[in-house]
Amino acid sequence: DLTQYHSDGSISLWDWKTSSNYKKSDLLSHGRQLVLYAMA
């Protein structure tokens, strides 16, 4: 969704969400996509 470029050449990856805030128990299933894209 959104890649942020920092001055030192590193990046951060963000995902827009219009949904309700995630429960702690649901973080693993929702977070996998972020982890995989970061690894890419």
PDB file of all heavy atoms in Angstrom:
ATOM      1  N   ASP A   1       0.822  -1.215   0.000  1.00  0.00           N
ATOM      2  CA  ASP A   1       0.000   0.000   0.000  1.00  0.00           C
ATOM      3  C   ASP A   1       0.850   1.257   0.000  1.00  0.00           C
ATOM      4  O   ASP A   1       0.681   2.146  -0.833  1.00  0.00           O
ATOM      5  CB  ASP A   1      -0.921   0.020   1.231  1.00  0.00           C
ATOM      6  CG  ASP A   1      -2.158  -0.833   1.043  1.00  0.00           C
ATOM      7  OD1 ASP A   1      -2.289  -1.481  -0.007  1.00  0.00           O
ATOM      8  OD2 ASP A   1      -3.006  -0.857   1.953  1.00  0.00           O
ATOM      9  N   LEU A   2       1.754   1.364   0.980  1.00  0.00           N
ATOM     10  CA  LEU A   2       2.505   2.601   1.164  1.00  0.00           C
ATOM     11  C   LEU A   2       3.921   2.274   1.626  1.00  0.00           C
ATOM     12  O   LEU A   2       4.116   1.659   2.677  1.00  0.00           O
ATOM     13  CB  LEU A   2       1.810   3.485   2.211  1.00  0.00           C
ATOM     14  CG  LEU A   2       2.355   4.900   2.404  1.00  0.00           C
ATOM     15  CD1 LEU A   2       2.145   5.741   1.144  1.00  0.00           C
ATOM     16  CD2 LEU A   2       1.667   5.575   3.597  1.00  0.00           C
ATOM     17  N   THR A   3       4.904   2.695   0.832  1.00  0.00           N
ATOM     18  CA  THR A   3       6.307   2.514   1.179  1.00  0.00           C
ATOM     19  C   THR A   3       6.900   3.864   1.542  1.00  0.00           C
ATOM     20  O   THR A   3       6.782   4.825   0.778  1.00  0.00           O
ATOM     21  CB  THR A   3       7.100   1.914   0.010  1.00  0.00           C
ATOM     22  OG1 THR A   3       6.494   0.674  -0.393  1.00  0.00           O
ATOM     23  CG2 THR A   3       8.546   1.646   0.414  1.00  0.00           C
ATOM     24  N   GLN A   4       7.511   3.938   2.707  1.00  0.00           N
ATOM     25  CA  GLN A   4       8.140   5.159   3.199  1.00  0.00           C
ATOM     26  C   GLN A   4       9.653   5.023   3.069  1.00  0.00           C
ATOM     27  O   GLN A   4      10.237   4.035   3.519  1.00  0.00           O
ATOM     28  CB  GLN A   4       7.759   5.406   4.650  1.00  0.00           C
ATOM     29  CG  GLN A   4       8.361   6.664   5.260  1.00  0.00           C
ATOM     30  CD  GLN A   4       7.949   6.840   6.713  1.00  0.00           C
ATOM     31  OE1 GLN A   4       7.371   5.941   7.322  1.00  0.00           O
ATOM     32  NE2 GLN A   4       8.248   7.996   7.273  1.00  0.00           N
ATOM     33  N   TYR A   5      10.289   6.028   2.461  1.00  0.00           N
ATOM     34  CA  TYR A   5      11.738   5.998   2.248  1.00  0.00           C
ATOM     35  C   TYR A   5      12.406   6.947   3.235  1.00  0.00           C
ATOM     36  O   TYR A   5      12.075   8.134   3.300  1.00  0.00           O
ATOM     37  CB  TYR A   5      12.073   6.399   0.808  1.00  0.00           C
ATOM     38  CG  TYR A   5      11.486   5.448  -0.206  1.00  0.00           C
ATOM     39  CD1 TYR A   5      10.203   5.649  -0.716  1.00  0.00           C
ATOM     40  CD2 TYR A   5      12.199   4.339  -0.643  1.00  0.00           C
ATOM     41  CE1 TYR A   5       9.638   4.766  -1.623  1.00  0.00           C
ATOM     42  CE2 TYR A   5      11.658   3.457  -1.569  1.00  0.00           C
ATOM     43  CZ  TYR A   5      10.381   3.678  -2.049  1.00  0.00           C
ATOM     44  OH  TYR A   5       9.830   2.798  -2.957  1.00  0.00           O
ATOM     45  N   HIS A   6      13.361   6.422   3.998  1.00  0.00           N
ATOM     46  CA  HIS A   6      14.064   7.213   4.997  1.00  0.00           C
ATOM     47  C   HIS A   6      15.395   7.724   4.430  1.00  0.00           C
ATOM     48  O   HIS A   6      15.925   7.179   3.454  1.00  0.00           O
ATOM     49  CB  HIS A   6      14.304   6.374   6.253  1.00  0.00           C
ATOM     50  CG  HIS A   6      13.047   5.798   6.830  1.00  0.00           C
ATOM     51  ND1 HIS A   6      12.072   6.578   7.408  1.00  0.00           N
ATOM     52  CD2 HIS A   6      12.588   4.516   6.902  1.00  0.00           C
ATOM     53  CE1 HIS A   6      11.079   5.808   7.821  1.00  0.00           C
ATOM     54  NE2 HIS A   6      11.368   4.558   7.516  1.00  0.00           N
ATOM     55  N   SER A   7      15.935   8.768   5.060  1.00  0.00           N
ATOM     56  CA  SER A   7      17.137   9.431   4.556  1.00  0.00           C
ATOM     57  C   SER A   7      18.355   8.514   4.557  1.00  0.00           C
ATOM     58  O   SER A   7      19.302   8.724   3.794  1.00  0.00           O
ATOM     59  CB  SER A   7      17.435  10.680   5.388  1.00  0.00           C
ATOM     60  OG  SER A   7      17.594  10.345   6.757  1.00  0.00           O
ATOM     61  N   ASP A   8      18.361   7.478   5.403  1.00  0.00           N
ATOM     62  CA  ASP A   8      19.513   6.571   5.462  1.00  0.00           C
ATOM     63  C   ASP A   8      19.401   5.414   4.472  1.00  0.00           C
ATOM     64  O   ASP A   8      20.224   4.493   4.483  1.00  0.00           O
ATOM     65  CB  ASP A   8      19.686   6.022   6.881  1.00  0.00           C
ATOM     66  CG  ASP A   8      18.483   5.191   7.346  1.00  0.00           C
ATOM     67  OD1 ASP A   8      17.504   5.086   6.575  1.00  0.00           O
ATOM     68  OD2 ASP A   8      18.532   4.665   8.466  1.00  0.00           O
ATOM     69  N   GLY A   9      18.373   5.448   3.607  1.00  0.00           N
ATOM     70  CA  GLY A   9      18.207   4.407   2.607  1.00  0.00           C
ATOM     71  C   GLY A   9      17.308   3.267   3.033  1.00  0.00           C
ATOM     72  O   GLY A   9      16.963   2.400   2.217  1.00  0.00           O
ATOM     73  N   SER A  10      16.916   3.234   4.295  1.00  0.00           N
ATOM     74  CA  SER A  10      16.005   2.199   4.778  1.00  0.00           C
ATOM     75  C   SER A  10      14.572   2.568   4.407  1.00  0.00           C
ATOM     76  O   SER A  10      14.279   3.694   3.977  1.00  0.00           O
ATOM     77  CB  SER A  10      16.143   2.022   6.286  1.00  0.00           C
ATOM     78  OG  SER A  10      15.774   3.219   6.961  1.00  0.00           O
ATOM     79  N   ILE A  11      13.664   1.629   4.599  1.00  0.00           N
ATOM     80  CA  ILE A  11      12.265   1.857   4.264  1.00  0.00           C
ATOM     81  C   ILE A  11      11.372   1.337   5.385  1.00  0.00           C
ATOM     82  O   ILE A  11      11.801   0.560   6.244  1.00  0.00           O
ATOM     83  CB  ILE A  11      11.866   1.169   2.938  1.00  0.00           C
ATOM     84  CG1 ILE A  11      12.059  -0.358   3.049  1.00  0.00           C
ATOM     85  CG2 ILE A  11      12.636   1.746   1.770  1.00  0.00           C
ATOM     86  CD1 ILE A  11      11.552  -1.124   1.832  1.00  0.00           C
ATOM     87  N   SER A  12      10.112   1.769   5.368  1.00  0.00           N
ATOM     88  CA  SER A  12       9.069   1.228   6.234  1.00  0.00           C
ATOM     89  C   SER A  12       7.851   0.938   5.364  1.00  0.00           C
ATOM     90  O   SER A  12       7.601   1.646   4.370  1.00  0.00           O
ATOM     91  CB  SER A  12       8.705   2.207   7.359  1.00  0.00           C
ATOM     92  OG  SER A  12       9.790   2.369   8.258  1.00  0.00           O
ATOM     93  N   LEU A  13       7.109  -0.090   5.732  1.00  0.00           N
ATOM     94  CA  LEU A  13       5.968  -0.530   4.936  1.00  0.00           C
ATOM     95  C   LEU A  13       4.689  -0.383   5.741  1.00  0.00           C
ATOM     96  O   LEU A  13       4.603  -0.865   6.872  1.00  0.00           O
ATOM     97  CB  LEU A  13       6.140  -1.995   4.515  1.00  0.00           C
ATOM     98  CG  LEU A  13       7.485  -2.376   3.878  1.00  0.00           C
ATOM     99  CD1 LEU A  13       7.492  -3.858   3.510  1.00  0.00           C
ATOM    100  CD2 LEU A  13       7.784  -1.519   2.661  1.00  0.00           C
ATOM    101  N   TRP A  14       3.693   0.274   5.130  1.00  0.00           N
ATOM    102  CA  TRP A  14       2.436   0.552   5.831  1.00  0.00           C
ATOM    103  C   TRP A  14       1.250   0.086   5.000  1.00  0.00           C
ATOM    104  O   TRP A  14       1.289   0.095   3.766  1.00  0.00           O
ATOM    105  CB  TRP A  14       2.309   2.048   6.122  1.00  0.00           C
ATOM    106  CG  TRP A  14       3.505   2.634   6.793  1.00  0.00           C
ATOM    107  CD1 TRP A  14       4.409   3.513   6.261  1.00  0.00           C
ATOM    108  CD2 TRP A  14       3.944   2.389   8.135  1.00  0.00           C
ATOM    109  NE1 TRP A  14       5.377   3.820   7.176  1.00  0.00           N
ATOM    110  CE2 TRP A  14       5.124   3.146   8.347  1.00  0.00           C
ATOM    111  CE3 TRP A  14       3.467   1.596   9.180  1.00  0.00           C
ATOM    112  CZ2 TRP A  14       5.820   3.139   9.545  1.00  0.00           C
ATOM    113  CZ3 TRP A  14       4.155   1.577  10.381  1.00  0.00           C
ATOM    114  CH2 TRP A  14       5.313   2.349  10.551  1.00  0.00           C
ATOM    115  N   ASP A  15       0.185  -0.265   5.703  1.00  0.00           N
ATOM    116  CA  ASP A  15      -1.033  -0.772   5.068  1.00  0.00           C
ATOM    117  C   ASP A  15      -2.218   0.057   5.552  1.00  0.00           C
ATOM    118  O   ASP A  15      -2.460   0.160   6.758  1.00  0.00           O
ATOM    119  CB  ASP A  15      -1.211  -2.237   5.464  1.00  0.00           C
ATOM    120  CG  ASP A  15      -2.080  -3.015   4.489  1.00  0.00           C
ATOM    121  OD1 ASP A  15      -2.514  -2.418   3.485  1.00  0.00           O
ATOM    122  OD2 ASP A  15      -2.328  -4.204   4.731  1.00  0.00           O
ATOM    123  N   TRP A  16      -2.971   0.684   4.615  1.00  0.00           N
ATOM    124  CA  TRP A  16      -4.164   1.435   4.987  1.00  0.00           C
ATOM    125  C   TRP A  16      -5.256   0.469   5.437  1.00  0.00           C
ATOM    126  O   TRP A  16      -5.513  -0.541   4.782  1.00  0.00           O
ATOM    127  CB  TRP A  16      -4.714   2.225   3.800  1.00  0.00           C
ATOM    128  CG  TRP A  16      -3.796   3.166   3.108  1.00  0.00           C
ATOM    129  CD1 TRP A  16      -3.268   3.006   1.853  1.00  0.00           C
ATOM    130  CD2 TRP A  16      -3.315   4.431   3.567  1.00  0.00           C
ATOM    131  NE1 TRP A  16      -2.492   4.085   1.512  1.00  0.00           N
ATOM    132  CE2 TRP A  16      -2.500   4.982   2.552  1.00  0.00           C
ATOM    133  CE3 TRP A  16      -3.495   5.152   4.747  1.00  0.00           C
ATOM    134  CZ2 TRP A  16      -1.873   6.216   2.665  1.00  0.00           C
ATOM    135  CZ3 TRP A  16      -2.863   6.377   4.871  1.00  0.00           C
ATOM    136  CH2 TRP A  16      -2.075   6.905   3.853  1.00  0.00           C
ATOM    137  N   LYS A  17      -5.957   0.781   6.530  1.00  0.00           N
ATOM    138  CA  LYS A  17      -7.044  -0.067   6.992  1.00  0.00           C
ATOM    139  C   LYS A  17      -8.240   0.780   7.422  1.00  0.00           C
ATOM    140  O   LYS A  17      -8.104   1.675   8.259  1.00  0.00           O
ATOM    141  CB  LYS A  17      -6.601  -0.948   8.164  1.00  0.00           C
ATOM    142  CG  LYS A  17      -5.635  -2.056   7.783  1.00  0.00           C
ATOM    143  CD  LYS A  17      -6.276  -3.043   6.810  1.00  0.00           C
ATOM    144  CE  LYS A  17      -5.299  -4.112   6.372  1.00  0.00           C
ATOM    145  NZ  LYS A  17      -5.877  -4.990   5.331  1.00  0.00           N
ATOM    146  N   THR A  18      -9.415   0.485   6.846  1.00  0.00           N
ATOM    147  CA  THR A  18     -10.660   1.130   7.279  1.00  0.00           C
ATOM    148  C   THR A  18     -11.436   0.218   8.213  1.00  0.00           C
ATOM    149  O   THR A  18     -12.568   0.534   8.597  1.00  0.00           O
ATOM    150  CB  THR A  18     -11.544   1.474   6.062  1.00  0.00           C
ATOM    151  OG1 THR A  18     -11.796   0.277   5.311  1.00  0.00           O
ATOM    152  CG2 THR A  18     -10.864   2.490   5.157  1.00  0.00           C
ATOM    153  N   SER A  19     -10.853  -0.902   8.584  1.00  0.00           N
ATOM    154  CA  SER A  19     -11.525  -1.873   9.441  1.00  0.00           C
ATOM    155  C   SER A  19     -11.369  -1.495  10.910  1.00  0.00           C
ATOM    156  O   SER A  19     -10.668  -0.541  11.260  1.00  0.00           O
ATOM    157  CB  SER A  19     -10.935  -3.267   9.214  1.00  0.00           C
ATOM    158  OG  SER A  19      -9.550  -3.272   9.546  1.00  0.00           O
ATOM    159  N   SER A  20     -11.988  -2.270  11.763  1.00  0.00           N
ATOM    160  CA  SER A  20     -11.830  -2.079  13.199  1.00  0.00           C
ATOM    161  C   SER A  20     -10.441  -2.528  13.635  1.00  0.00           C
ATOM    162  O   SER A  20      -9.783  -3.324  12.952  1.00  0.00           O
ATOM    163  CB  SER A  20     -12.894  -2.884  13.969  1.00  0.00           C
ATOM    164  OG  SER A  20     -14.186  -2.404  13.677  1.00  0.00           O
ATOM    165  N   ASN A  21      -9.997  -2.018  14.756  1.00  0.00           N
ATOM    166  CA  ASN A  21      -8.684  -2.366  15.285  1.00  0.00           C
ATOM    167  C   ASN A  21      -8.610  -3.868  15.557  1.00  0.00           C
ATOM    168  O   ASN A  21      -9.584  -4.473  16.014  1.00  0.00           O
ATOM    169  CB  ASN A  21      -8.421  -1.576  16.574  1.00  0.00           C
ATOM    170  CG  ASN A  21      -6.965  -1.514  16.918  1.00  0.00           C
ATOM    171  OD1 ASN A  21      -6.090  -1.938  16.154  1.00  0.00           O
ATOM    172  ND2 ASN A  21      -6.660  -0.987  18.088  1.00  0.00           N
ATOM    173  N   TYR A  22      -7.468  -4.454  15.305  1.00  0.00           N
ATOM    174  CA  TYR A  22      -7.333  -5.896  15.440  1.00  0.00           C
ATOM    175  C   TYR A  22      -7.212  -6.322  16.904  1.00  0.00           C
ATOM    176  O   TYR A  22      -6.541  -5.668  17.700  1.00  0.00           O
ATOM    177  CB  TYR A  22      -6.094  -6.394  14.688  1.00  0.00           C
ATOM    178  CG  TYR A  22      -6.134  -6.147  13.203  1.00  0.00           C
ATOM    179  CD1 TYR A  22      -5.018  -5.658  12.530  1.00  0.00           C
ATOM    180  CD2 TYR A  22      -7.285  -6.398  12.467  1.00  0.00           C
ATOM    181  CE1 TYR A  22      -5.040  -5.435  11.164  1.00  0.00           C
ATOM    182  CE2 TYR A  22      -7.322  -6.177  11.109  1.00  0.00           C
ATOM    183  CZ  TYR A  22      -6.199  -5.693  10.461  1.00  0.00           C
ATOM    184  OH  TYR A  22      -6.249  -5.469   9.108  1.00  0.00           O
ATOM    185  N   LYS A  23      -7.844  -7.452  17.217  1.00  0.00           N
ATOM    186  CA  LYS A  23      -7.643  -8.070  18.519  1.00  0.00           C
ATOM    187  C   LYS A  23      -6.247  -8.691  18.559  1.00  0.00           C
ATOM    188  O   LYS A  23      -5.699  -9.085  17.532  1.00  0.00           O
ATOM    189  CB  LYS A  23      -8.698  -9.152  18.767  1.00  0.00           C
ATOM    190  CG  LYS A  23     -10.129  -8.648  18.804  1.00  0.00           C
ATOM    191  CD  LYS A  23     -11.090  -9.816  18.984  1.00  0.00           C
ATOM    192  CE  LYS A  23     -12.537  -9.349  18.975  1.00  0.00           C
ATOM    193  NZ  LYS A  23     -13.482 -10.488  19.103  1.00  0.00           N
ATOM    194  N   LYS A  24      -5.715  -8.790  19.762  1.00  0.00           N
ATOM    195  CA  LYS A  24      -4.385  -9.381  19.920  1.00  0.00           C
ATOM    196  C   LYS A  24      -4.341 -10.791  19.368  1.00  0.00           C
ATOM    197  O   LYS A  24      -3.343 -11.206  18.744  1.00  0.00           O
ATOM    198  CB  LYS A  24      -3.991  -9.371  21.400  1.00  0.00           C
ATOM    199  CG  LYS A  24      -2.558  -9.789  21.660  1.00  0.00           C
ATOM    200  CD  LYS A  24      -2.199  -9.664  23.132  1.00  0.00           C
ATOM    201  CE  LYS A  24      -0.746 -10.063  23.376  1.00  0.00           C
ATOM    202  NZ  LYS A  24      -0.372  -9.925  24.822  1.00  0.00           N
ATOM    203  N   SER A  25      -5.431 -11.539  19.546  1.00  0.00           N
ATOM    204  CA  SER A  25      -5.475 -12.921  19.086  1.00  0.00           C
ATOM    205  C   SER A  25      -5.470 -13.039  17.565  1.00  0.00           C
ATOM    206  O   SER A  25      -5.198 -14.115  17.018  1.00  0.00           O
ATOM    207  CB  SER A  25      -6.720 -13.621  19.648  1.00  0.00           C
ATOM    208  OG  SER A  25      -7.905 -12.944  19.248  1.00  0.00           O
ATOM    209  N   ASP A  26      -5.784 -11.940  16.863  1.00  0.00           N
ATOM    210  CA  ASP A  26      -5.857 -11.968  15.400  1.00  0.00           C
ATOM    211  C   ASP A  26      -4.605 -11.395  14.732  1.00  0.00           C
ATOM    212  O   ASP A  26      -4.519 -11.379  13.501  1.00  0.00           O
ATOM    213  CB  ASP A  26      -7.074 -11.175  14.915  1.00  0.00           C
ATOM    214  CG  ASP A  26      -8.387 -11.804  15.352  1.00  0.00           C
ATOM    215  OD1 ASP A  26      -8.419 -13.032  15.521  1.00  0.00           O
ATOM    216  OD2 ASP A  26      -9.364 -11.057  15.540  1.00  0.00           O
ATOM    217  N   LEU A  27      -3.657 -10.924  15.517  1.00  0.00           N
ATOM    218  CA  LEU A  27      -2.495 -10.241  14.952  1.00  0.00           C
ATOM    219  C   LEU A  27      -1.664 -11.140  14.050  1.00  0.00           C
ATOM    220  O   LEU A  27      -1.172 -10.705  13.005  1.00  0.00           O
ATOM    221  CB  LEU A  27      -1.617  -9.660  16.064  1.00  0.00           C
ATOM    222  CG  LEU A  27      -2.105  -8.369  16.717  1.00  0.00           C
ATOM    223  CD1 LEU A  27      -1.140  -7.927  17.812  1.00  0.00           C
ATOM    224  CD2 LEU A  27      -2.267  -7.262  15.681  1.00  0.00           C
ATOM    225  N   LEU A  28      -1.471 -12.386  14.443  1.00  0.00           N
ATOM    226  CA  LEU A  28      -0.618 -13.280  13.660  1.00  0.00           C
ATOM    227  C   LEU A  28      -1.153 -13.453  12.243  1.00  0.00           C
ATOM    228  O   LEU A  28      -0.402 -13.316  11.262  1.00  0.00           O
ATOM    229  CB  LEU A  28      -0.498 -14.638  14.351  1.00  0.00           C
ATOM    230  CG  LEU A  28       0.425 -15.649  13.656  1.00  0.00           C
ATOM    231  CD1 LEU A  28       1.853 -15.139  13.643  1.00  0.00           C
ATOM    232  CD2 LEU A  28       0.350 -17.010  14.346  1.00  0.00           C
ATOM    233  N   SER A  29      -2.458 -13.721  12.124  1.00  0.00           N
ATOM    234  CA  SER A  29      -3.025 -13.944  10.795  1.00  0.00           C
ATOM    235  C   SER A  29      -3.013 -12.674   9.956  1.00  0.00           C
ATOM    236  O   SER A  29      -2.778 -12.718   8.741  1.00  0.00           O
ATOM    237  CB  SER A  29      -4.448 -14.503  10.904  1.00  0.00           C
ATOM    238  OG  SER A  29      -5.290 -13.603  11.599  1.00  0.00           O
ATOM    239  N   HIS A  30      -3.241 -11.522  10.583  1.00  0.00           N
ATOM    240  CA  HIS A  30      -3.232 -10.261   9.838  1.00  0.00           C
ATOM    241  C   HIS A  30      -1.808  -9.785   9.546  1.00  0.00           C
ATOM    242  O   HIS A  30      -1.570  -9.105   8.544  1.00  0.00           O
ATOM    243  CB  HIS A  30      -3.981  -9.179  10.621  1.00  0.00           C
ATOM    244  CG  HIS A  30      -5.458  -9.356  10.647  1.00  0.00           C
ATOM    245  ND1 HIS A  30      -6.244  -9.273   9.527  1.00  0.00           N
ATOM    246  CD2 HIS A  30      -6.315  -9.623  11.676  1.00  0.00           C
ATOM    247  CE1 HIS A  30      -7.511  -9.466   9.845  1.00  0.00           C
ATOM    248  NE2 HIS A  30      -7.585  -9.691  11.141  1.00  0.00           N
ATOM    249  N   GLY A  31      -0.875 -10.121  10.418  1.00  0.00           N
ATOM    250  CA  GLY A  31       0.481  -9.610  10.284  1.00  0.00           C
ATOM    251  C   GLY A  31       1.349 -10.354   9.294  1.00  0.00           C
ATOM    252  O   GLY A  31       2.385  -9.833   8.855  1.00  0.00           O
ATOM    253  N   ARG A  32       0.962 -11.561   8.901  1.00  0.00           N
ATOM    254  CA  ARG A  32       1.807 -12.347   7.994  1.00  0.00           C
ATOM    255  C   ARG A  32       2.105 -11.615   6.693  1.00  0.00           C
ATOM    256  O   ARG A  32       3.220 -11.672   6.169  1.00  0.00           O
ATOM    257  CB  ARG A  32       1.112 -13.675   7.656  1.00  0.00           C
ATOM    258  CG  ARG A  32       1.117 -14.694   8.779  1.00  0.00           C
ATOM    259  CD  ARG A  32       0.661 -16.041   8.243  1.00  0.00           C
ATOM    260  NE  ARG A  32       0.437 -16.978   9.335  1.00  0.00           N
ATOM    261  CZ  ARG A  32      -0.765 -17.384   9.727  1.00  0.00           C
ATOM    262  NH1 ARG A  32      -1.849 -16.921   9.124  1.00  0.00           N
ATOM    263  NH2 ARG A  32      -0.879 -18.250  10.716  1.00  0.00           N
ATOM    264  N   GLN A  33       1.100 -10.956   6.156  1.00  0.00           N
ATOM    265  CA  GLN A  33       1.288 -10.263   4.883  1.00  0.00           C
ATOM    266  C   GLN A  33       2.375  -9.205   4.997  1.00  0.00           C
ATOM    267  O   GLN A  33       3.242  -9.083   4.112  1.00  0.00           O
ATOM    268  CB  GLN A  33      -0.023  -9.628   4.428  1.00  0.00           C
ATOM    269  CG  GLN A  33       0.040  -8.995   3.050  1.00  0.00           C
ATOM    270  CD  GLN A  33      -1.321  -8.489   2.591  1.00  0.00           C
ATOM    271  OE1 GLN A  33      -2.193  -8.187   3.402  1.00  0.00           O
ATOM    272  NE2 GLN A  33      -1.517  -8.408   1.299  1.00  0.00           N
ATOM    273  N   LEU A  34       2.354  -8.431   6.081  1.00  0.00           N
ATOM    274  CA  LEU A  34       3.394  -7.423   6.300  1.00  0.00           C
ATOM    275  C   LEU A  34       4.767  -8.065   6.392  1.00  0.00           C
ATOM    276  O   LEU A  34       5.744  -7.559   5.821  1.00  0.00           O
ATOM    277  CB  LEU A  34       3.094  -6.641   7.581  1.00  0.00           C
ATOM    278  CG  LEU A  34       1.880  -5.714   7.558  1.00  0.00           C
ATOM    279  CD1 LEU A  34       1.607  -5.182   8.966  1.00  0.00           C
ATOM    280  CD2 LEU A  34       2.099  -4.554   6.594  1.00  0.00           C
ATOM    281  N   VAL A  35       4.856  -9.161   7.126  1.00  0.00           N
ATOM    282  CA  VAL A  35       6.139  -9.849   7.300  1.00  0.00           C
ATOM    283  C   VAL A  35       6.664 -10.347   5.958  1.00  0.00           C
ATOM    284  O   VAL A  35       7.849 -10.165   5.634  1.00  0.00           O
ATOM    285  CB  VAL A  35       5.992 -11.015   8.298  1.00  0.00           C
ATOM    286  CG1 VAL A  35       7.288 -11.821   8.376  1.00  0.00           C
ATOM    287  CG2 VAL A  35       5.626 -10.490   9.688  1.00  0.00           C
ATOM    288  N   LEU A  36       5.805 -10.953   5.180  1.00  0.00           N
ATOM    289  CA  LEU A  36       6.226 -11.509   3.894  1.00  0.00           C
ATOM    290  C   LEU A  36       6.664 -10.418   2.925  1.00  0.00           C
ATOM    291  O   LEU A  36       7.665 -10.562   2.217  1.00  0.00           O
ATOM    292  CB  LEU A  36       5.094 -12.340   3.298  1.00  0.00           C
ATOM    293  CG  LEU A  36       4.765 -13.633   4.066  1.00  0.00           C
ATOM    294  CD1 LEU A  36       3.426 -14.202   3.611  1.00  0.00           C
ATOM    295  CD2 LEU A  36       5.879 -14.659   3.877  1.00  0.00           C
ATOM    296  N   TYR A  37       5.928  -9.308   2.898  1.00  0.00           N
ATOM    297  CA  TYR A  37       6.302  -8.214   2.009  1.00  0.00           C
ATOM    298  C   TYR A  37       7.622  -7.578   2.462  1.00  0.00           C
ATOM    299  O   TYR A  37       8.451  -7.166   1.635  1.00  0.00           O
ATOM    300  CB  TYR A  37       5.194  -7.169   1.963  1.00  0.00           C
ATOM    301  CG  TYR A  37       3.943  -7.618   1.219  1.00  0.00           C
ATOM    302  CD1 TYR A  37       3.845  -8.890   0.672  1.00  0.00           C
ATOM    303  CD2 TYR A  37       2.852  -6.765   1.077  1.00  0.00           C
ATOM    304  CE1 TYR A  37       2.701  -9.300   0.005  1.00  0.00           C
ATOM    305  CE2 TYR A  37       1.706  -7.164   0.396  1.00  0.00           C
ATOM    306  CZ  TYR A  37       1.634  -8.435  -0.128  1.00  0.00           C
ATOM    307  OH  TYR A  37       0.509  -8.836  -0.798  1.00  0.00           O
ATOM    308  N   ALA A  38       7.816  -7.491   3.774  1.00  0.00           N
ATOM    309  CA  ALA A  38       9.080  -6.964   4.290  1.00  0.00           C
ATOM    310  C   ALA A  38      10.243  -7.864   3.885  1.00  0.00           C
ATOM    311  O   ALA A  38      11.317  -7.390   3.484  1.00  0.00           O
ATOM    312  CB  ALA A  38       9.013  -6.831   5.811  1.00  0.00           C
ATOM    313  N   MET A  39      10.033  -9.168   3.962  1.00  0.00           N
ATOM    314  CA  MET A  39      11.081 -10.108   3.567  1.00  0.00           C
ATOM    315  C   MET A  39      11.400  -9.996   2.070  1.00  0.00           C
ATOM    316  O   MET A  39      12.553 -10.136   1.650  1.00  0.00           O
ATOM    317  CB  MET A  39      10.647 -11.530   3.912  1.00  0.00           C
ATOM    318  CG  MET A  39      10.548 -11.793   5.407  1.00  0.00           C
ATOM    319  SD  MET A  39       9.866 -13.427   5.789  1.00  0.00           S
ATOM    320  CE  MET A  39      11.204 -14.473   5.238  1.00  0.00           C
ATOM    321  N   ALA A  40      10.364  -9.719   1.276  1.00  0.00           N
ATOM    322  CA  ALA A  40      10.588  -9.530  -0.156  1.00  0.00           C
ATOM    323  C   ALA A  40      11.471  -8.308  -0.415  1.00  0.00           C
ATOM    324  O   ALA A  40      12.394  -8.352  -1.249  1.00  0.00           O
ATOM    325  CB  ALA A  40       9.243  -9.374  -0.872  1.00  0.00           C
TER     326      ALA A  40
END
